[in-house]
Amino acid sequence: MRTAVLETSNKDQIDENDENEDKEISVKLQDWRNASKIVATCKTVVLLIAHKEACALHCFLDDSEDVEIIYFISGVKIRDLLD
C-alpha cells in the first residue's frame, strides 16, 4: 500500500529548484512556539527558508539594529513523521 501511494504521488512531483513553486517545511511544535514568542518581541523579522532542511528567523529588537536574534529551526523530514 505504501509503495502504491509513493508511485501515485510521483506524478505530482514538485521542482524544488523552481523559485515560483511553493515551499513547505514541517517543524516541531515546540520550535514553532519558541519562534512565535521571538516574533512577538521583535520589531523587524526576516524568515529565511533553505529548501526542506531548515529555516531561520533573523530578528531585530528595535529600529537601531543594535540587538539581533537569530533562531534556527530544523526541518522534520516527512518520512520521519510517517515511520
PDB file of N, CA and C in Angstrom:
ATOM      1  N   MET A   1       0.828  -1.192   0.000  1.00  0.00           N
ATOM      2  CA  MET A   1       0.000   0.000   0.000  1.00  0.00           C
ATOM      3  C   MET A   1       0.872   1.255   0.000  1.00  0.00           C
ATOM      4  N   ARG A   2       1.918   1.264   0.816  1.00  0.00           N
ATOM      5  CA  ARG A   2       2.785   2.436   0.903  1.00  0.00           C
ATOM      6  C   ARG A   2       3.477   2.695  -0.430  1.00  0.00           C
ATOM      7  N   THR A   3       3.919   1.617  -1.117  1.00  0.00           N
ATOM      8  CA  THR A   3       4.566   1.770  -2.415  1.00  0.00           C
ATOM      9  C   THR A   3       3.600   2.368  -3.425  1.00  0.00           C
ATOM     10  N   ALA A   4       2.358   1.940  -3.387  1.00  0.00           N
ATOM     11  CA  ALA A   4       1.357   2.465  -4.313  1.00  0.00           C
ATOM     12  C   ALA A   4       1.146   3.955  -4.098  1.00  0.00           C
ATOM     13  N   VAL A   5       1.126   4.383  -2.867  1.00  0.00           N
ATOM     14  CA  VAL A   5       0.951   5.805  -2.562  1.00  0.00           C
ATOM     15  C   VAL A   5       2.139   6.603  -3.072  1.00  0.00           C
ATOM     16  N   LEU A   6       3.348   6.091  -2.872  1.00  0.00           N
ATOM     17  CA  LEU A   6       4.542   6.791  -3.344  1.00  0.00           C
ATOM     18  C   LEU A   6       4.563   6.871  -4.863  1.00  0.00           C
ATOM     19  N   GLU A   7       4.151   5.795  -5.544  1.00  0.00           N
ATOM     20  CA  GLU A   7       4.147   5.798  -7.002  1.00  0.00           C
ATOM     21  C   GLU A   7       3.126   6.785  -7.553  1.00  0.00           C
ATOM     22  N   THR A   8       1.963   6.872  -6.954  1.00  0.00           N
ATOM     23  CA  THR A   8       0.961   7.816  -7.447  1.00  0.00           C
ATOM     24  C   THR A   8       1.352   9.253  -7.136  1.00  0.00           C
ATOM     25  N   SER A   9       2.072   9.468  -6.043  1.00  0.00           N
ATOM     26  CA  SER A   9       2.463  10.838  -5.704  1.00  0.00           C
ATOM     27  C   SER A   9       3.614  11.334  -6.568  1.00  0.00           C
ATOM     28  N   ASN A  10       4.361  10.442  -7.220  1.00  0.00           N
ATOM     29  CA  ASN A  10       5.461  10.856  -8.092  1.00  0.00           C
ATOM     30  C   ASN A  10       4.953  11.602  -9.320  1.00  0.00           C
ATOM     31  N   LYS A  11       3.688  11.411  -9.680  1.00  0.00           N
ATOM     32  CA  LYS A  11       3.117  12.103 -10.832  1.00  0.00           C
ATOM     33  C   LYS A  11       3.054  13.606 -10.589  1.00  0.00           C
ATOM     34  N   ASP A  12       2.873  13.995  -9.362  1.00  0.00           N
ATOM     35  CA  ASP A  12       2.739  15.403  -8.999  1.00  0.00           C
ATOM     36  C   ASP A  12       4.019  15.951  -8.388  1.00  0.00           C
ATOM     37  N   GLN A  13       5.161  15.530  -8.911  1.00  0.00           N
ATOM     38  CA  GLN A  13       6.426  15.962  -8.320  1.00  0.00           C
ATOM     39  C   GLN A  13       6.597  17.468  -8.438  1.00  0.00           C
ATOM     40  N   ILE A  14       7.186  18.028  -7.406  1.00  0.00           N
ATOM     41  CA  ILE A  14       7.441  19.463  -7.351  1.00  0.00           C
ATOM     42  C   ILE A  14       8.917  19.699  -7.610  1.00  0.00           C
ATOM     43  N   ASP A  15       9.224  20.650  -8.467  1.00  0.00           N
ATOM     44  CA  ASP A  15      10.609  21.013  -8.741  1.00  0.00           C
ATOM     45  C   ASP A  15      11.079  21.953  -7.638  1.00  0.00           C
ATOM     46  N   GLU A  16      11.905  21.435  -6.723  1.00  0.00           N
ATOM     47  CA  GLU A  16      12.351  22.238  -5.582  1.00  0.00           C
ATOM     48  C   GLU A  16      13.278  23.371  -5.989  1.00  0.00           C
ATOM     49  N   ASN A  17      13.864  23.299  -7.181  1.00  0.00           N
ATOM     50  CA  ASN A  17      14.761  24.362  -7.636  1.00  0.00           C
ATOM     51  C   ASN A  17      14.004  25.501  -8.312  1.00  0.00           C
ATOM     52  N   ASP A  18      12.728  25.306  -8.593  1.00  0.00           N
ATOM     53  CA  ASP A  18      11.917  26.337  -9.220  1.00  0.00           C
ATOM     54  C   ASP A  18      11.523  27.378  -8.172  1.00  0.00           C
ATOM     55  N   GLU A  19      11.940  28.620  -8.381  1.00  0.00           N
ATOM     56  CA  GLU A  19      11.668  29.685  -7.415  1.00  0.00           C
ATOM     57  C   GLU A  19      10.181  30.022  -7.328  1.00  0.00           C
ATOM     58  N   ASN A  20       9.403  29.688  -8.349  1.00  0.00           N
ATOM     59  CA  ASN A  20       7.981  30.006  -8.354  1.00  0.00           C
ATOM     60  C   ASN A  20       7.136  28.966  -7.634  1.00  0.00           C
ATOM     61  N   GLU A  21       7.723  27.825  -7.308  1.00  0.00           N
ATOM     62  CA  GLU A  21       6.990  26.770  -6.599  1.00  0.00           C
ATOM     63  C   GLU A  21       6.830  27.134  -5.127  1.00  0.00           C
ATOM     64  N   ASP A  22       5.716  26.711  -4.531  1.00  0.00           N
ATOM     65  CA  ASP A  22       5.516  26.887  -3.092  1.00  0.00           C
ATOM     66  C   ASP A  22       6.474  25.979  -2.333  1.00  0.00           C
ATOM     67  N   LYS A  23       6.936  26.433  -1.191  1.00  0.00           N
ATOM     68  CA  LYS A  23       7.838  25.644  -0.349  1.00  0.00           C
ATOM     69  C   LYS A  23       7.108  25.264   0.927  1.00  0.00           C
ATOM     70  N   GLU A  24       7.402  24.077   1.433  1.00  0.00           N
ATOM     71  CA  GLU A  24       6.772  23.612   2.668  1.00  0.00           C
ATOM     72  C   GLU A  24       7.823  22.950   3.547  1.00  0.00           C
ATOM     73  N   ILE A  25       7.890  23.386   4.797  1.00  0.00           N
ATOM     74  CA  ILE A  25       8.803  22.799   5.771  1.00  0.00           C
ATOM     75  C   ILE A  25       7.984  22.414   6.988  1.00  0.00           C
ATOM     76  N   SER A  26       8.128  21.180   7.422  1.00  0.00           N
ATOM     77  CA  SER A  26       7.461  20.738   8.652  1.00  0.00           C
ATOM     78  C   SER A  26       8.429  20.924   9.809  1.00  0.00           C
ATOM     79  N   VAL A  27       7.958  21.551  10.871  1.00  0.00           N
ATOM     80  CA  VAL A  27       8.807  21.801  12.043  1.00  0.00           C
ATOM     81  C   VAL A  27       8.109  21.284  13.296  1.00  0.00           C
ATOM     82  N   LYS A  28       8.893  21.096  14.331  1.00  0.00           N
ATOM     83  CA  LYS A  28       8.335  20.644  15.609  1.00  0.00           C
ATOM     84  C   LYS A  28       7.513  21.775  16.230  1.00  0.00           C
ATOM     85  N   LEU A  29       6.456  21.401  16.921  1.00  0.00           N
ATOM     86  CA  LEU A  29       5.567  22.385  17.535  1.00  0.00           C
ATOM     87  C   LEU A  29       6.306  23.264  18.543  1.00  0.00           C
ATOM     88  N   GLN A  30       7.203  22.698  19.317  1.00  0.00           N
ATOM     89  CA  GLN A  30       7.954  23.477  20.309  1.00  0.00           C
ATOM     90  C   GLN A  30       8.812  24.552  19.633  1.00  0.00           C
ATOM     91  N   ASP A  31       9.449  24.206  18.502  1.00  0.00           N
ATOM     92  CA  ASP A  31      10.227  25.203  17.759  1.00  0.00           C
ATOM     93  C   ASP A  31       9.326  26.325  17.257  1.00  0.00           C
ATOM     94  N   TRP A  32       8.132  25.967  16.788  1.00  0.00           N
ATOM     95  CA  TRP A  32       7.192  26.970  16.287  1.00  0.00           C
ATOM     96  C   TRP A  32       6.733  27.897  17.409  1.00  0.00           C
ATOM     97  N   ARG A  33       6.483  27.344  18.576  1.00  0.00           N
ATOM     98  CA  ARG A  33       6.073  28.165  19.723  1.00  0.00           C
ATOM     99  C   ARG A  33       7.186  29.123  20.135  1.00  0.00           C
ATOM    100  N   ASN A  34       8.415  28.626  20.192  1.00  0.00           N
ATOM    101  CA  ASN A  34       9.547  29.495  20.533  1.00  0.00           C
ATOM    102  C   ASN A  34       9.687  30.616  19.510  1.00  0.00           C
ATOM    103  N   ALA A  35       9.548  30.271  18.245  1.00  0.00           N
ATOM    104  CA  ALA A  35       9.666  31.273  17.187  1.00  0.00           C
ATOM    105  C   ALA A  35       8.574  32.331  17.310  1.00  0.00           C
ATOM    106  N   SER A  36       7.369  31.924  17.662  1.00  0.00           N
ATOM    107  CA  SER A  36       6.278  32.897  17.786  1.00  0.00           C
ATOM    108  C   SER A  36       6.531  33.884  18.921  1.00  0.00           C
ATOM    109  N   LYS A  37       7.158  33.429  19.997  1.00  0.00           N
ATOM    110  CA  LYS A  37       7.497  34.336  21.103  1.00  0.00           C
ATOM    111  C   LYS A  37       8.553  35.346  20.672  1.00  0.00           C
ATOM    112  N   ILE A  38       9.519  34.892  19.897  1.00  0.00           N
ATOM    113  CA  ILE A  38      10.568  35.793  19.407  1.00  0.00           C
ATOM    114  C   ILE A  38       9.965  36.829  18.465  1.00  0.00           C
ATOM    115  N   VAL A  39       9.118  36.384  17.550  1.00  0.00           N
ATOM    116  CA  VAL A  39       8.498  37.293  16.582  1.00  0.00           C
ATOM    117  C   VAL A  39       7.647  38.345  17.289  1.00  0.00           C
ATOM    118  N   ALA A  40       6.947  37.954  18.334  1.00  0.00           N
ATOM    119  CA  ALA A  40       6.108  38.903  19.076  1.00  0.00           C
ATOM    120  C   ALA A  40       6.934  39.973  19.776  1.00  0.00           C
ATOM    121  N   THR A  41       8.179  39.661  20.104  1.00  0.00           N
ATOM    122  CA  THR A  41       9.047  40.586  20.828  1.00  0.00           C
ATOM    123  C   THR A  41       9.784  41.543  19.903  1.00  0.00           C
ATOM    124  N   CYS A  42      10.075  41.124  18.704  1.00  0.00           N
ATOM    125  CA  CYS A  42      10.961  41.879  17.811  1.00  0.00           C
ATOM    126  C   CYS A  42      10.210  42.879  16.935  1.00  0.00           C
ATOM    127  N   LYS A  43      10.947  43.902  16.524  1.00  0.00           N
ATOM    128  CA  LYS A  43      10.409  44.958  15.666  1.00  0.00           C
ATOM    129  C   LYS A  43      10.480  44.552  14.186  1.00  0.00           C
ATOM    130  N   THR A  44      11.617  43.983  13.772  1.00  0.00           N
ATOM    131  CA  THR A  44      11.839  43.584  12.386  1.00  0.00           C
ATOM    132  C   THR A  44      12.150  42.097  12.343  1.00  0.00           C
ATOM    133  N   VAL A  45      11.477  41.369  11.455  1.00  0.00           N
ATOM    134  CA  VAL A  45      11.650  39.917  11.367  1.00  0.00           C
ATOM    135  C   VAL A  45      11.858  39.514   9.909  1.00  0.00           C
ATOM    136  N   VAL A  46      12.870  38.668   9.681  1.00  0.00           N
ATOM    137  CA  VAL A  46      13.122  38.102   8.360  1.00  0.00           C
ATOM    138  C   VAL A  46      13.119  36.588   8.503  1.00  0.00           C
ATOM    139  N   LEU A  47      12.337  35.898   7.671  1.00  0.00           N
ATOM    140  CA  LEU A  47      12.289  34.442   7.673  1.00  0.00           C
ATOM    141  C   LEU A  47      13.080  33.938   6.478  1.00  0.00           C
ATOM    142  N   LEU A  48      14.093  33.136   6.734  1.00  0.00           N
ATOM    143  CA  LEU A  48      14.922  32.551   5.683  1.00  0.00           C
ATOM    144  C   LEU A  48      14.588  31.068   5.578  1.00  0.00           C
ATOM    145  N   ILE A  49      14.293  30.596   4.368  1.00  0.00           N
ATOM    146  CA  ILE A  49      13.965  29.189   4.157  1.00  0.00           C
ATOM    147  C   ILE A  49      15.015  28.573   3.244  1.00  0.00           C
ATOM    148  N   ALA A  50      15.598  27.456   3.705  1.00  0.00           N
ATOM    149  CA  ALA A  50      16.611  26.744   2.929  1.00  0.00           C
ATOM    150  C   ALA A  50      16.057  25.383   2.539  1.00  0.00           C
ATOM    151  N   HIS A  51      15.477  25.295   1.353  1.00  0.00           N
ATOM    152  CA  HIS A  51      14.879  24.048   0.837  1.00  0.00           C
ATOM    153  C   HIS A  51      13.964  23.428   1.884  1.00  0.00           C
ATOM    154  N   LYS A  52      14.084  22.118   2.125  1.00  0.00           N
ATOM    155  CA  LYS A  52      13.239  21.459   3.119  1.00  0.00           C
ATOM    156  C   LYS A  52      14.011  21.139   4.385  1.00  0.00           C
ATOM    157  N   GLU A  53      15.272  21.550   4.449  1.00  0.00           N
ATOM    158  CA  GLU A  53      16.092  21.169   5.596  1.00  0.00           C
ATOM    159  C   GLU A  53      15.877  22.040   6.820  1.00  0.00           C
ATOM    160  N   ALA A  54      15.742  23.325   6.625  1.00  0.00           N
ATOM    161  CA  ALA A  54      15.700  24.211   7.787  1.00  0.00           C
ATOM    162  C   ALA A  54      15.199  25.595   7.397  1.00  0.00           C
ATOM    163  N   CYS A  55      14.935  26.380   8.426  1.00  0.00           N
ATOM    164  CA  CYS A  55      14.643  27.792   8.236  1.00  0.00           C
ATOM    165  C   CYS A  55      15.217  28.554   9.425  1.00  0.00           C
ATOM    166  N   ALA A  56      15.335  29.848   9.263  1.00  0.00           N
ATOM    167  CA  ALA A  56      15.906  30.673  10.325  1.00  0.00           C
ATOM    168  C   ALA A  56      15.135  31.979  10.413  1.00  0.00           C
ATOM    169  N   LEU A  57      14.981  32.455  11.638  1.00  0.00           N
ATOM    170  CA  LEU A  57      14.414  33.777  11.888  1.00  0.00           C
ATOM    171  C   LEU A  57      15.556  34.713  12.236  1.00  0.00           C
ATOM    172  N   HIS A  58      15.649  35.820  11.531  1.00  0.00           N
ATOM    173  CA  HIS A  58      16.646  36.846  11.837  1.00  0.00           C
ATOM    174  C   HIS A  58      15.862  38.075  12.266  1.00  0.00           C
ATOM    175  N   CYS A  59      15.970  38.428  13.539  1.00  0.00           N
ATOM    176  CA  CYS A  59      15.125  39.471  14.115  1.00  0.00           C
ATOM    177  C   CYS A  59      15.950  40.581  14.755  1.00  0.00           C
ATOM    178  N   PHE A  60      15.405  41.800  14.713  1.00  0.00           N
ATOM    179  CA  PHE A  60      15.986  42.945  15.409  1.00  0.00           C
ATOM    180  C   PHE A  60      14.985  43.416  16.461  1.00  0.00           C
ATOM    181  N   LEU A  61      15.487  43.700  17.663  1.00  0.00           N
ATOM    182  CA  LEU A  61      14.596  44.103  18.752  1.00  0.00           C
ATOM    183  C   LEU A  61      14.001  45.488  18.548  1.00  0.00           C
ATOM    184  N   ASP A  62      14.780  46.397  17.932  1.00  0.00           N
ATOM    185  CA  ASP A  62      14.269  47.746  17.692  1.00  0.00           C
ATOM    186  C   ASP A  62      14.820  48.267  16.374  1.00  0.00           C
ATOM    187  N   ASP A  63      14.493  49.509  16.045  1.00  0.00           N
ATOM    188  CA  ASP A  63      14.921  50.090  14.776  1.00  0.00           C
ATOM    189  C   ASP A  63      16.409  50.377  14.703  1.00  0.00           C
ATOM    190  N   SER A  64      17.088  50.462  15.843  1.00  0.00           N
ATOM    191  CA  SER A  64      18.514  50.789  15.833  1.00  0.00           C
ATOM    192  C   SER A  64      19.366  49.617  15.355  1.00  0.00           C
ATOM    193  N   GLU A  65      18.804  48.420  15.317  1.00  0.00           N
ATOM    194  CA  GLU A  65      19.502  47.209  14.879  1.00  0.00           C
ATOM    195  C   GLU A  65      20.738  46.907  15.715  1.00  0.00           C
ATOM    196  N   ASP A  66      20.765  47.389  16.969  1.00  0.00           N
ATOM    197  CA  ASP A  66      21.881  47.096  17.870  1.00  0.00           C
ATOM    198  C   ASP A  66      21.804  45.677  18.422  1.00  0.00           C
ATOM    199  N   VAL A  67      20.596  45.196  18.631  1.00  0.00           N
ATOM    200  CA  VAL A  67      20.404  43.861  19.202  1.00  0.00           C
ATOM    201  C   VAL A  67      19.665  42.997  18.187  1.00  0.00           C
ATOM    202  N   GLU A  68      20.275  41.862  17.841  1.00  0.00           N
ATOM    203  CA  GLU A  68      19.630  40.962  16.898  1.00  0.00           C
ATOM    204  C   GLU A  68      19.560  39.550  17.471  1.00  0.00           C
ATOM    205  N   ILE A  69      18.572  38.817  17.021  1.00  0.00           N
ATOM    206  CA  ILE A  69      18.380  37.429  17.436  1.00  0.00           C
ATOM    207  C   ILE A  69      18.283  36.593  16.169  1.00  0.00           C
ATOM    208  N   ILE A  70      19.045  35.510  16.127  1.00  0.00           N
ATOM    209  CA  ILE A  70      18.937  34.560  15.026  1.00  0.00           C
ATOM    210  C   ILE A  70      18.530  33.226  15.628  1.00  0.00           C
ATOM    211  N   TYR A  71      17.395  32.703  15.188  1.00  0.00           N
ATOM    212  CA  TYR A  71      16.853  31.459  15.721  1.00  0.00           C
ATOM    213  C   TYR A  71      16.738  30.454  14.580  1.00  0.00           C
ATOM    214  N   PHE A  72      17.490  29.365  14.674  1.00  0.00           N
ATOM    215  CA  PHE A  72      17.477  28.332  13.648  1.00  0.00           C
ATOM    216  C   PHE A  72      16.438  27.273  13.989  1.00  0.00           C
ATOM    217  N   ILE A  73      15.666  26.881  12.994  1.00  0.00           N
ATOM    218  CA  ILE A  73      14.644  25.852  13.171  1.00  0.00           C
ATOM    219  C   ILE A  73      14.946  24.721  12.196  1.00  0.00           C
ATOM    220  N   SER A  74      15.201  23.559  12.735  1.00  0.00           N
ATOM    221  CA  SER A  74      15.491  22.389  11.916  1.00  0.00           C
ATOM    222  C   SER A  74      14.197  21.822  11.356  1.00  0.00           C
ATOM    223  N   GLY A  75      14.222  21.475  10.082  1.00  0.00           N
ATOM    224  CA  GLY A  75      13.048  20.863   9.469  1.00  0.00           C
ATOM    225  C   GLY A  75      12.930  19.399   9.855  1.00  0.00           C
ATOM    226  N   VAL A  76      11.724  18.887   9.810  1.00  0.00           N
ATOM    227  CA  VAL A  76      11.462  17.475  10.089  1.00  0.00           C
ATOM    228  C   VAL A  76      11.133  16.810   8.766  1.00  0.00           C
ATOM    229  N   LYS A  77      11.846  15.749   8.434  1.00  0.00           N
ATOM    230  CA  LYS A  77      11.583  15.049   7.186  1.00  0.00           C
ATOM    231  C   LYS A  77      10.219  14.377   7.258  1.00  0.00           C
ATOM    232  N   ILE A  78       9.495  14.432   6.162  1.00  0.00           N
ATOM    233  CA  ILE A  78       8.156  13.843   6.110  1.00  0.00           C
ATOM    234  C   ILE A  78       8.225  12.339   6.371  1.00  0.00           C
ATOM    235  N   ARG A  79       9.234  11.671   5.859  1.00  0.00           N
ATOM    236  CA  ARG A  79       9.359  10.225   6.079  1.00  0.00           C
ATOM    237  C   ARG A  79       9.546   9.912   7.553  1.00  0.00           C
ATOM    238  N   ASP A  80      10.236  10.781   8.287  1.00  0.00           N
ATOM    239  CA  ASP A  80      10.402  10.574   9.725  1.00  0.00           C
ATOM    240  C   ASP A  80       9.051  10.620  10.428  1.00  0.00           C
ATOM    241  N   LEU A  81       8.158  11.458   9.947  1.00  0.00           N
ATOM    242  CA  LEU A  81       6.839  11.572  10.560  1.00  0.00           C
ATOM    243  C   LEU A  81       5.981  10.345  10.274  1.00  0.00           C
ATOM    244  N   LEU A  82       6.163   9.734   9.094  1.00  0.00           N
ATOM    245  CA  LEU A  82       5.357   8.580   8.716  1.00  0.00           C
ATOM    246  C   LEU A  82       5.802   7.301   9.403  1.00  0.00           C
ATOM    247  N   ASP A  83       7.078   7.217   9.771  1.00  0.00           N
ATOM    248  CA  ASP A  83       7.609   5.988  10.390  1.00  0.00           C
ATOM    249  C   ASP A  83       7.197   5.832  11.822  1.00  0.00           C
TER     250      ASP A  83
END
